[in-house]
Structures are given as C-alpha cells and as structure tokens.
C-alpha cells in the first residue's frame, strides 16, 4: 500500500472502527462526483508551443520510459504545476 497522509490515515482508522456511515443520497452523490471527475479530466482546449528539439526529444524519451504518449506526459506535468503538486527539489538545497 502507498504511504498515506494524515487525513487518509484518519479516514482509514474511522472505517476500520466502523465509524463511517453511508450517505442517504448515495446515487445522487455518485452522479455529482462522476460529473465533477469527468469535467476535471476533460481535455477541451488546445495549445501550441515551441520547444527546442533537444527538450522535445527528452520529453519523448521520458514519456517512452513512463509508457505513455509524450503529449500526455506534458499535460500531466502542466496539470501538476498549476495544481501546486510539483516540487522544485533544487530550491531546497
């Protein structure tokens, strides 16, 4: 199992203790959550960017190692950046 953060551990402990209760409107909530998830991952905009050949080749090589198309890798990196999930390791040195 992956490492859990404190909130995830708290939820798991509550589940294990039987403290969690089913929602009364579970079908409605599932429908709402599904709609939010679909909207979050919907790719409905295009961009064109110019990169150095070297960077493009490096992106393509990294994507190949990750087992995904390079455009998917670029989209994922951009998403993580705007979501505040990317950490600059060099800034901590």
PDB file of N, CA and C in Angstrom:
ATOM      1  N   UNK A   1       0.844  -1.188   0.000  1.00  0.00           N
ATOM      2  CA  UNK A   1       0.000   0.000   0.000  1.00  0.00           C
ATOM      3  C   UNK A   1       0.882   1.242   0.000  1.00  0.00           C
ATOM      4  N   UNK A   2       0.444   2.251  -0.710  1.00  0.00           N
ATOM      5  CA  UNK A   2       1.186   3.514  -0.739  1.00  0.00           C
ATOM      6  C   UNK A   2       1.146   4.178   0.621  1.00  0.00           C
ATOM      7  N   UNK A   3       2.083   5.073   0.847  1.00  0.00           N
ATOM      8  CA  UNK A   3       2.080   5.829   2.097  1.00  0.00           C
ATOM      9  C   UNK A   3       0.856   6.732   2.132  1.00  0.00           C
ATOM     10  N   UNK A   4       0.216   6.772   3.280  1.00  0.00           N
ATOM     11  CA  UNK A   4      -0.972   7.600   3.445  1.00  0.00           C
ATOM     12  C   UNK A   4      -0.615   8.873   4.184  1.00  0.00           C
ATOM     13  N   UNK A   5      -1.277   9.973   3.805  1.00  0.00           N
ATOM     14  CA  UNK A   5      -1.073  11.202   4.573  1.00  0.00           C
ATOM     15  C   UNK A   5      -1.960  11.130   5.821  1.00  0.00           C
ATOM     16  N   UNK A   6      -1.868  12.114   6.687  1.00  0.00           N
ATOM     17  CA  UNK A   6      -2.581  12.056   7.965  1.00  0.00           C
ATOM     18  C   UNK A   6      -4.097  11.999   7.780  1.00  0.00           C
ATOM     19  N   UNK A   7      -4.618  12.731   6.808  1.00  0.00           N
ATOM     20  CA  UNK A   7      -6.060  12.707   6.562  1.00  0.00           C
ATOM     21  C   UNK A   7      -6.509  11.327   6.090  1.00  0.00           C
ATOM     22  N   UNK A   8      -5.736  10.722   5.192  1.00  0.00           N
ATOM     23  CA  UNK A   8      -6.076   9.396   4.698  1.00  0.00           C
ATOM     24  C   UNK A   8      -6.018   8.351   5.812  1.00  0.00           C
ATOM     25  N   UNK A   9      -5.003   8.463   6.690  1.00  0.00           N
ATOM     26  CA  UNK A   9      -4.914   7.534   7.832  1.00  0.00           C
ATOM     27  C   UNK A   9      -6.120   7.692   8.754  1.00  0.00           C
ATOM     28  N   UNK A  10      -6.526   8.933   8.984  1.00  0.00           N
ATOM     29  CA  UNK A  10      -7.684   9.202   9.837  1.00  0.00           C
ATOM     30  C   UNK A  10      -8.948   8.567   9.263  1.00  0.00           C
ATOM     31  N   UNK A  11      -9.126   8.689   7.970  1.00  0.00           N
ATOM     32  CA  UNK A  11     -10.298   8.102   7.300  1.00  0.00           C
ATOM     33  C   UNK A  11     -10.245   6.583   7.399  1.00  0.00           C
ATOM     34  N   UNK A  12      -9.085   5.999   7.139  1.00  0.00           N
ATOM     35  CA  UNK A  12      -8.938   4.540   7.206  1.00  0.00           C
ATOM     36  C   UNK A  12      -9.209   4.024   8.619  1.00  0.00           C
ATOM     37  N   UNK A  13      -8.715   4.733   9.622  1.00  0.00           N
ATOM     38  CA  UNK A  13      -8.949   4.330  11.011  1.00  0.00           C
ATOM     39  C   UNK A  13     -10.441   4.408  11.351  1.00  0.00           C
ATOM     40  N   UNK A  14     -11.107   5.461  10.891  1.00  0.00           N
ATOM     41  CA  UNK A  14     -12.545   5.598  11.136  1.00  0.00           C
ATOM     42  C   UNK A  14     -13.303   4.470  10.452  1.00  0.00           C
ATOM     43  N   UNK A  15     -12.883   4.103   9.257  1.00  0.00           N
ATOM     44  CA  UNK A  15     -13.518   2.997   8.527  1.00  0.00           C
ATOM     45  C   UNK A  15     -13.313   1.691   9.292  1.00  0.00           C
ATOM     46  N   UNK A  16     -12.086   1.438   9.710  1.00  0.00           N
ATOM     47  CA  UNK A  16     -11.782   0.208  10.444  1.00  0.00           C
ATOM     48  C   UNK A  16     -12.576   0.102  11.745  1.00  0.00           C
ATOM     49  N   UNK A  17     -12.852   1.229  12.381  1.00  0.00           N
ATOM     50  CA  UNK A  17     -13.604   1.242  13.641  1.00  0.00           C
ATOM     51  C   UNK A  17     -15.119   1.234  13.420  1.00  0.00           C
ATOM     52  N   UNK A  18     -15.543   1.282  12.151  1.00  0.00           N
ATOM     53  CA  UNK A  18     -16.972   1.275  11.847  1.00  0.00           C
ATOM     54  C   UNK A  18     -17.658   2.598  12.127  1.00  0.00           C
ATOM     55  N   UNK A  19     -16.905   3.668  12.134  1.00  0.00           N
ATOM     56  CA  UNK A  19     -17.464   4.987  12.452  1.00  0.00           C
ATOM     57  C   UNK A  19     -18.057   5.710  11.244  1.00  0.00           C
ATOM     58  N   UNK A  20     -17.799   5.207  10.053  1.00  0.00           N
ATOM     59  CA  UNK A  20     -18.312   5.861   8.853  1.00  0.00           C
ATOM     60  C   UNK A  20     -19.714   5.350   8.543  1.00  0.00           C
ATOM     61  N   UNK A  21     -20.570   6.243   8.072  1.00  0.00           N
ATOM     62  CA  UNK A  21     -21.939   5.884   7.736  1.00  0.00           C
ATOM     63  C   UNK A  21     -22.187   6.187   6.267  1.00  0.00           C
ATOM     64  N   UNK A  22     -23.043   5.373   5.648  1.00  0.00           N
ATOM     65  CA  UNK A  22     -23.402   5.604   4.256  1.00  0.00           C
ATOM     66  C   UNK A  22     -24.232   6.875   4.137  1.00  0.00           C
ATOM     67  N   UNK A  23     -24.019   7.563   3.033  1.00  0.00           N
ATOM     68  CA  UNK A  23     -24.800   8.751   2.741  1.00  0.00           C
ATOM     69  C   UNK A  23     -26.222   8.344   2.388  1.00  0.00           C
ATOM     70  N   UNK A  24     -27.178   9.194   2.722  1.00  0.00           N
ATOM     71  CA  UNK A  24     -28.580   8.895   2.418  1.00  0.00           C
ATOM     72  C   UNK A  24     -28.870   9.052   0.927  1.00  0.00           C
ATOM     73  N   UNK A  25     -28.127   9.935   0.265  1.00  0.00           N
ATOM     74  CA  UNK A  25     -28.347  10.198  -1.165  1.00  0.00           C
ATOM     75  C   UNK A  25     -27.167   9.693  -1.986  1.00  0.00           C
ATOM     76  N   UNK A  26     -26.792   8.444  -1.781  1.00  0.00           N
ATOM     77  CA  UNK A  26     -25.565   7.925  -2.393  1.00  0.00           C
ATOM     78  C   UNK A  26     -25.611   7.986  -3.922  1.00  0.00           C
ATOM     79  N   UNK A  27     -26.724   7.640  -4.535  1.00  0.00           N
ATOM     80  CA  UNK A  27     -26.799   7.655  -6.003  1.00  0.00           C
ATOM     81  C   UNK A  27     -26.625   9.072  -6.547  1.00  0.00           C
ATOM     82  N   UNK A  28     -27.235  10.040  -5.890  1.00  0.00           N
ATOM     83  CA  UNK A  28     -27.114  11.434  -6.319  1.00  0.00           C
ATOM     84  C   UNK A  28     -25.672  11.905  -6.165  1.00  0.00           C
ATOM     85  N   UNK A  29     -25.042  11.562  -5.040  1.00  0.00           N
ATOM     86  CA  UNK A  29     -23.659  11.971  -4.815  1.00  0.00           C
ATOM     87  C   UNK A  29     -22.704  11.334  -5.810  1.00  0.00           C
ATOM     88  N   UNK A  30     -22.932  10.064  -6.114  1.00  0.00           N
ATOM     89  CA  UNK A  30     -22.081   9.385  -7.105  1.00  0.00           C
ATOM     90  C   UNK A  30     -22.209  10.080  -8.454  1.00  0.00           C
ATOM     91  N   UNK A  31     -23.428  10.412  -8.837  1.00  0.00           N
ATOM     92  CA  UNK A  31     -23.658  11.106 -10.112  1.00  0.00           C
ATOM     93  C   UNK A  31     -22.947  12.458 -10.126  1.00  0.00           C
ATOM     94  N   UNK A  32     -23.047  13.202  -9.017  1.00  0.00           N
ATOM     95  CA  UNK A  32     -22.397  14.513  -8.938  1.00  0.00           C
ATOM     96  C   UNK A  32     -20.874  14.379  -8.978  1.00  0.00           C
ATOM     97  N   UNK A  33     -20.333  13.441  -8.233  1.00  0.00           N
ATOM     98  CA  UNK A  33     -18.882  13.236  -8.217  1.00  0.00           C
ATOM     99  C   UNK A  33     -18.372  12.777  -9.585  1.00  0.00           C
ATOM    100  N   UNK A  34     -19.133  11.925 -10.240  1.00  0.00           N
ATOM    101  CA  UNK A  34     -18.745  11.457 -11.573  1.00  0.00           C
ATOM    102  C   UNK A  34     -18.693  12.624 -12.553  1.00  0.00           C
ATOM    103  N   UNK A  35     -19.691  13.527 -12.465  1.00  0.00           N
ATOM    104  CA  UNK A  35     -19.724  14.694 -13.356  1.00  0.00           C
ATOM    105  C   UNK A  35     -18.529  15.612 -13.098  1.00  0.00           C
ATOM    106  N   UNK A  36     -18.184  15.809 -11.832  1.00  0.00           N
ATOM    107  CA  UNK A  36     -17.029  16.646 -11.492  1.00  0.00           C
ATOM    108  C   UNK A  36     -15.743  16.004 -12.009  1.00  0.00           C
ATOM    109  N   UNK A  37     -15.601  14.694 -11.818  1.00  0.00           N
ATOM    110  CA  UNK A  37     -14.403  13.996 -12.290  1.00  0.00           C
ATOM    111  C   UNK A  37     -14.272  14.091 -13.808  1.00  0.00           C
ATOM    112  N   UNK A  38     -15.368  13.891 -14.513  1.00  0.00           N
ATOM    113  CA  UNK A  38     -15.330  13.978 -15.971  1.00  0.00           C
ATOM    114  C   UNK A  38     -14.953  15.385 -16.422  1.00  0.00           C
ATOM    115  N   UNK A  39     -15.499  16.391 -15.770  1.00  0.00           N
ATOM    116  CA  UNK A  39     -15.181  17.774 -16.136  1.00  0.00           C
ATOM    117  C   UNK A  39     -13.728  18.103 -15.831  1.00  0.00           C
ATOM    118  N   UNK A  40     -13.201  17.520 -14.761  1.00  0.00           N
ATOM    119  CA  UNK A  40     -11.816  17.775 -14.369  1.00  0.00           C
ATOM    120  C   UNK A  40     -10.841  17.247 -15.410  1.00  0.00           C
ATOM    121  N   UNK A  41     -11.131  16.080 -15.946  1.00  0.00           N
ATOM    122  CA  UNK A  41     -10.194  15.444 -16.865  1.00  0.00           C
ATOM    123  C   UNK A  41     -10.550  15.630 -18.329  1.00  0.00           C
ATOM    124  N   UNK A  42     -11.591  16.399 -18.613  1.00  0.00           N
ATOM    125  CA  UNK A  42     -11.979  16.657 -19.990  1.00  0.00           C
ATOM    126  C   UNK A  42     -10.932  17.545 -20.646  1.00  0.00           C
ATOM    127  N   UNK A  43     -10.444  17.115 -21.758  1.00  0.00           N
ATOM    128  CA  UNK A  43      -9.441  17.898 -22.487  1.00  0.00           C
ATOM    129  C   UNK A  43     -10.156  18.612 -23.630  1.00  0.00           C
ATOM    130  N   UNK A  44     -10.513  19.859 -23.370  1.00  0.00           N
ATOM    131  CA  UNK A  44     -11.315  20.590 -24.333  1.00  0.00           C
ATOM    132  C   UNK A  44     -10.623  21.833 -24.890  1.00  0.00           C
ATOM    133  N   UNK A  45      -9.326  21.970 -24.621  1.00  0.00           N
ATOM    134  CA  UNK A  45      -8.592  23.124 -25.130  1.00  0.00           C
ATOM    135  C   UNK A  45      -7.271  22.660 -25.736  1.00  0.00           C
ATOM    136  N   UNK A  46      -6.833  23.392 -26.741  1.00  0.00           N
ATOM    137  CA  UNK A  46      -5.565  23.079 -27.401  1.00  0.00           C
ATOM    138  C   UNK A  46      -4.592  24.221 -27.182  1.00  0.00           C
ATOM    139  N   UNK A  47      -3.305  23.868 -27.151  1.00  0.00           N
ATOM    140  CA  UNK A  47      -2.269  24.891 -27.148  1.00  0.00           C
ATOM    141  C   UNK A  47      -1.198  24.475 -28.141  1.00  0.00           C
ATOM    142  N   UNK A  48      -0.491  25.446 -28.634  1.00  0.00           N
ATOM    143  CA  UNK A  48       0.674  25.197 -29.466  1.00  0.00           C
ATOM    144  C   UNK A  48       1.853  25.890 -28.804  1.00  0.00           C
ATOM    145  N   UNK A  49       2.933  25.165 -28.627  1.00  0.00           N
ATOM    146  CA  UNK A  49       4.118  25.760 -28.024  1.00  0.00           C
ATOM    147  C   UNK A  49       5.327  25.405 -28.866  1.00  0.00           C
ATOM    148  N   UNK A  50       6.333  26.240 -28.772  1.00  0.00           N
ATOM    149  CA  UNK A  50       7.586  25.975 -29.471  1.00  0.00           C
ATOM    150  C   UNK A  50       8.601  25.548 -28.427  1.00  0.00           C
ATOM    151  N   UNK A  51       9.247  24.424 -28.705  1.00  0.00           N
ATOM    152  CA  UNK A  51      10.268  23.864 -27.824  1.00  0.00           C
ATOM    153  C   UNK A  51      11.544  23.662 -28.606  1.00  0.00           C
ATOM    154  N   UNK A  52      12.639  23.584 -27.890  1.00  0.00           N
ATOM    155  CA  UNK A  52      13.875  23.202 -28.565  1.00  0.00           C
ATOM    156  C   UNK A  52      13.761  21.722 -28.933  1.00  0.00           C
ATOM    157  N   UNK A  53      14.414  21.346 -29.994  1.00  0.00           N
ATOM    158  CA  UNK A  53      14.416  19.935 -30.408  1.00  0.00           C
ATOM    159  C   UNK A  53      14.941  19.051 -29.293  1.00  0.00           C
ATOM    160  N   UNK A  54      15.941  19.552 -28.602  1.00  0.00           N
ATOM    161  CA  UNK A  54      16.535  18.786 -27.500  1.00  0.00           C
ATOM    162  C   UNK A  54      15.505  18.492 -26.406  1.00  0.00           C
ATOM    163  N   UNK A  55      14.733  19.528 -26.013  1.00  0.00           N
ATOM    164  CA  UNK A  55      13.711  19.331 -24.990  1.00  0.00           C
ATOM    165  C   UNK A  55      12.618  18.381 -25.468  1.00  0.00           C
ATOM    166  N   UNK A  56      12.213  18.519 -26.720  1.00  0.00           N
ATOM    167  CA  UNK A  56      11.177  17.638 -27.262  1.00  0.00           C
ATOM    168  C   UNK A  56      11.651  16.190 -27.249  1.00  0.00           C
ATOM    169  N   UNK A  57      12.871  15.958 -27.683  1.00  0.00           N
ATOM    170  CA  UNK A  57      13.411  14.587 -27.693  1.00  0.00           C
ATOM    171  C   UNK A  57      13.507  14.034 -26.275  1.00  0.00           C
ATOM    172  N   UNK A  58      13.888  14.889 -25.338  1.00  0.00           N
ATOM    173  CA  UNK A  58      13.974  14.459 -23.936  1.00  0.00           C
ATOM    174  C   UNK A  58      12.584  14.115 -23.395  1.00  0.00           C
ATOM    175  N   UNK A  59      11.594  14.930 -23.731  1.00  0.00           N
ATOM    176  CA  UNK A  59      10.220  14.642 -23.314  1.00  0.00           C
ATOM    177  C   UNK A  59       9.726  13.324 -23.910  1.00  0.00           C
ATOM    178  N   UNK A  60      10.004  13.122 -25.170  1.00  0.00           N
ATOM    179  CA  UNK A  60       9.574  11.896 -25.828  1.00  0.00           C
ATOM    180  C   UNK A  60      10.256  10.674 -25.215  1.00  0.00           C
ATOM    181  N   UNK A  61      11.538  10.797 -24.894  1.00  0.00           N
ATOM    182  CA  UNK A  61      12.264   9.691 -24.273  1.00  0.00           C
ATOM    183  C   UNK A  61      11.710   9.395 -22.886  1.00  0.00           C
ATOM    184  N   UNK A  62      11.461  10.435 -22.102  1.00  0.00           N
ATOM    185  CA  UNK A  62      10.914  10.247 -20.754  1.00  0.00           C
ATOM    186  C   UNK A  62       9.523   9.613 -20.819  1.00  0.00           C
ATOM    187  N   UNK A  63       8.704  10.087 -21.757  1.00  0.00           N
ATOM    188  CA  UNK A  63       7.358   9.525 -21.917  1.00  0.00           C
ATOM    189  C   UNK A  63       7.432   8.048 -22.291  1.00  0.00           C
ATOM    190  N   UNK A  64       8.373   7.706 -23.142  1.00  0.00           N
ATOM    191  CA  UNK A  64       8.557   6.308 -23.527  1.00  0.00           C
ATOM    192  C   UNK A  64       8.918   5.467 -22.303  1.00  0.00           C
ATOM    193  N   UNK A  65       9.805   5.985 -21.451  1.00  0.00           N
ATOM    194  CA  UNK A  65      10.176   5.269 -20.224  1.00  0.00           C
ATOM    195  C   UNK A  65       8.973   5.118 -19.284  1.00  0.00           C
ATOM    196  N   UNK A  66       8.090   6.109 -19.279  1.00  0.00           N
ATOM    197  CA  UNK A  66       6.907   6.074 -18.419  1.00  0.00           C
ATOM    198  C   UNK A  66       5.774   5.261 -19.041  1.00  0.00           C
ATOM    199  N   UNK A  67       5.921   4.939 -20.323  1.00  0.00           N
ATOM    200  CA  UNK A  67       4.902   4.136 -21.003  1.00  0.00           C
ATOM    201  C   UNK A  67       3.660   4.924 -21.377  1.00  0.00           C
ATOM    202  N   UNK A  68       3.865   6.170 -21.787  1.00  0.00           N
ATOM    203  CA  UNK A  68       2.719   6.998 -22.169  1.00  0.00           C
ATOM    204  C   UNK A  68       3.104   7.892 -23.337  1.00  0.00           C
ATOM    205  N   UNK A  69       2.105   8.403 -24.064  1.00  0.00           N
ATOM    206  CA  UNK A  69       2.401   9.365 -25.125  1.00  0.00           C
ATOM    207  C   UNK A  69       3.014  10.631 -24.536  1.00  0.00           C
ATOM    208  N   UNK A  70       3.905  11.273 -25.283  1.00  0.00           N
ATOM    209  CA  UNK A  70       4.595  12.441 -24.739  1.00  0.00           C
ATOM    210  C   UNK A  70       3.640  13.599 -24.478  1.00  0.00           C
ATOM    211  N   UNK A  71       2.584  13.726 -25.273  1.00  0.00           N
ATOM    212  CA  UNK A  71       1.632  14.809 -25.035  1.00  0.00           C
ATOM    213  C   UNK A  71       0.891  14.597 -23.716  1.00  0.00           C
ATOM    214  N   UNK A  72       0.629  13.345 -23.375  1.00  0.00           N
ATOM    215  CA  UNK A  72       0.000  13.035 -22.090  1.00  0.00           C
ATOM    216  C   UNK A  72       0.935  13.404 -20.948  1.00  0.00           C
ATOM    217  N   UNK A  73       2.219  13.128 -21.115  1.00  0.00           N
ATOM    218  CA  UNK A  73       3.208  13.494 -20.096  1.00  0.00           C
ATOM    219  C   UNK A  73       3.255  15.009 -19.916  1.00  0.00           C
ATOM    220  N   UNK A  74       3.302  15.737 -21.004  1.00  0.00           N
ATOM    221  CA  UNK A  74       3.344  17.203 -20.942  1.00  0.00           C
ATOM    222  C   UNK A  74       2.085  17.726 -20.245  1.00  0.00           C
ATOM    223  N   UNK A  75       0.931  17.195 -20.608  1.00  0.00           N
ATOM    224  CA  UNK A  75      -0.324  17.617 -19.990  1.00  0.00           C
ATOM    225  C   UNK A  75      -0.315  17.330 -18.490  1.00  0.00           C
ATOM    226  N   UNK A  76       0.202  16.171 -18.106  1.00  0.00           N
ATOM    227  CA  UNK A  76       0.269  15.800 -16.697  1.00  0.00           C
ATOM    228  C   UNK A  76       1.183  16.732 -15.910  1.00  0.00           C
ATOM    229  N   UNK A  77       2.340  17.042 -16.475  1.00  0.00           N
ATOM    230  CA  UNK A  77       3.283  17.949 -15.803  1.00  0.00           C
ATOM    231  C   UNK A  77       2.658  19.330 -15.636  1.00  0.00           C
ATOM    232  N   UNK A  78       2.023  19.833 -16.680  1.00  0.00           N
ATOM    233  CA  UNK A  78       1.379  21.144 -16.595  1.00  0.00           C
ATOM    234  C   UNK A  78       0.254  21.138 -15.559  1.00  0.00           C
ATOM    235  N   UNK A  79      -0.524  20.069 -15.545  1.00  0.00           N
ATOM    236  CA  UNK A  79      -1.612  19.965 -14.567  1.00  0.00           C
ATOM    237  C   UNK A  79      -1.062  19.983 -13.140  1.00  0.00           C
ATOM    238  N   UNK A  80      -0.019  19.203 -12.902  1.00  0.00           N
ATOM    239  CA  UNK A  80       0.571  19.161 -11.566  1.00  0.00           C
ATOM    240  C   UNK A  80       1.152  20.517 -11.177  1.00  0.00           C
ATOM    241  N   UNK A  81       1.723  21.221 -12.134  1.00  0.00           N
ATOM    242  CA  UNK A  81       2.280  22.546 -11.855  1.00  0.00           C
ATOM    243  C   UNK A  81       1.193  23.522 -11.423  1.00  0.00           C
ATOM    244  N   UNK A  82       0.126  23.616 -12.210  1.00  0.00           N
ATOM    245  CA  UNK A  82      -0.919  24.585 -11.880  1.00  0.00           C
ATOM    246  C   UNK A  82      -1.685  24.174 -10.627  1.00  0.00           C
ATOM    247  N   UNK A  83      -1.649  22.888 -10.303  1.00  0.00           N
ATOM    248  CA  UNK A  83      -2.329  22.391  -9.109  1.00  0.00           C
ATOM    249  C   UNK A  83      -1.449  22.487  -7.864  1.00  0.00           C
ATOM    250  N   UNK A  84      -0.192  22.951  -8.053  1.00  0.00           N
ATOM    251  CA  UNK A  84       0.716  23.120  -6.919  1.00  0.00           C
ATOM    252  C   UNK A  84       1.336  21.818  -6.432  1.00  0.00           C
ATOM    253  N   UNK A  85       1.340  20.793  -7.259  1.00  0.00           N
ATOM    254  CA  UNK A  85       1.866  19.497  -6.854  1.00  0.00           C
ATOM    255  C   UNK A  85       3.323  19.278  -7.225  1.00  0.00           C
ATOM    256  N   UNK A  86       3.885  20.139  -8.060  1.00  0.00           N
ATOM    257  CA  UNK A  86       5.279  19.981  -8.437  1.00  0.00           C
ATOM    258  C   UNK A  86       6.160  20.653  -7.405  1.00  0.00           C
ATOM    259  N   UNK A  87       7.213  19.976  -7.015  1.00  0.00           N
ATOM    260  CA  UNK A  87       8.137  20.499  -6.014  1.00  0.00           C
ATOM    261  C   UNK A  87       9.489  20.709  -6.679  1.00  0.00           C
ATOM    262  N   UNK A  88      10.034  21.906  -6.530  1.00  0.00           N
ATOM    263  CA  UNK A  88      11.356  22.224  -7.075  1.00  0.00           C
ATOM    264  C   UNK A  88      12.399  21.719  -6.092  1.00  0.00           C
ATOM    265  N   UNK A  89      13.012  20.587  -6.400  1.00  0.00           N
ATOM    266  CA  UNK A  89      13.993  19.981  -5.500  1.00  0.00           C
ATOM    267  C   UNK A  89      15.233  20.874  -5.329  1.00  0.00           C
ATOM    268  N   UNK A  90      15.586  21.625  -6.345  1.00  0.00           N
ATOM    269  CA  UNK A  90      16.774  22.460  -6.264  1.00  0.00           C
ATOM    270  C   UNK A  90      16.574  23.639  -5.303  1.00  0.00           C
ATOM    271  N   UNK A  91      15.324  24.023  -5.060  1.00  0.00           N
ATOM    272  CA  UNK A  91      15.050  25.148  -4.159  1.00  0.00           C
ATOM    273  C   UNK A  91      15.295  24.777  -2.709  1.00  0.00           C
ATOM    274  N   UNK A  92      15.312  23.490  -2.400  1.00  0.00           N
ATOM    275  CA  UNK A  92      15.501  23.030  -1.009  1.00  0.00           C
ATOM    276  C   UNK A  92      16.973  22.806  -0.657  1.00  0.00           C
ATOM    277  N   UNK A  93      17.854  23.024  -1.604  1.00  0.00           N
ATOM    278  CA  UNK A  93      19.284  22.747  -1.354  1.00  0.00           C
ATOM    279  C   UNK A  93      19.994  23.963  -0.852  1.00  0.00           C
TER     280      UNK A  93
END
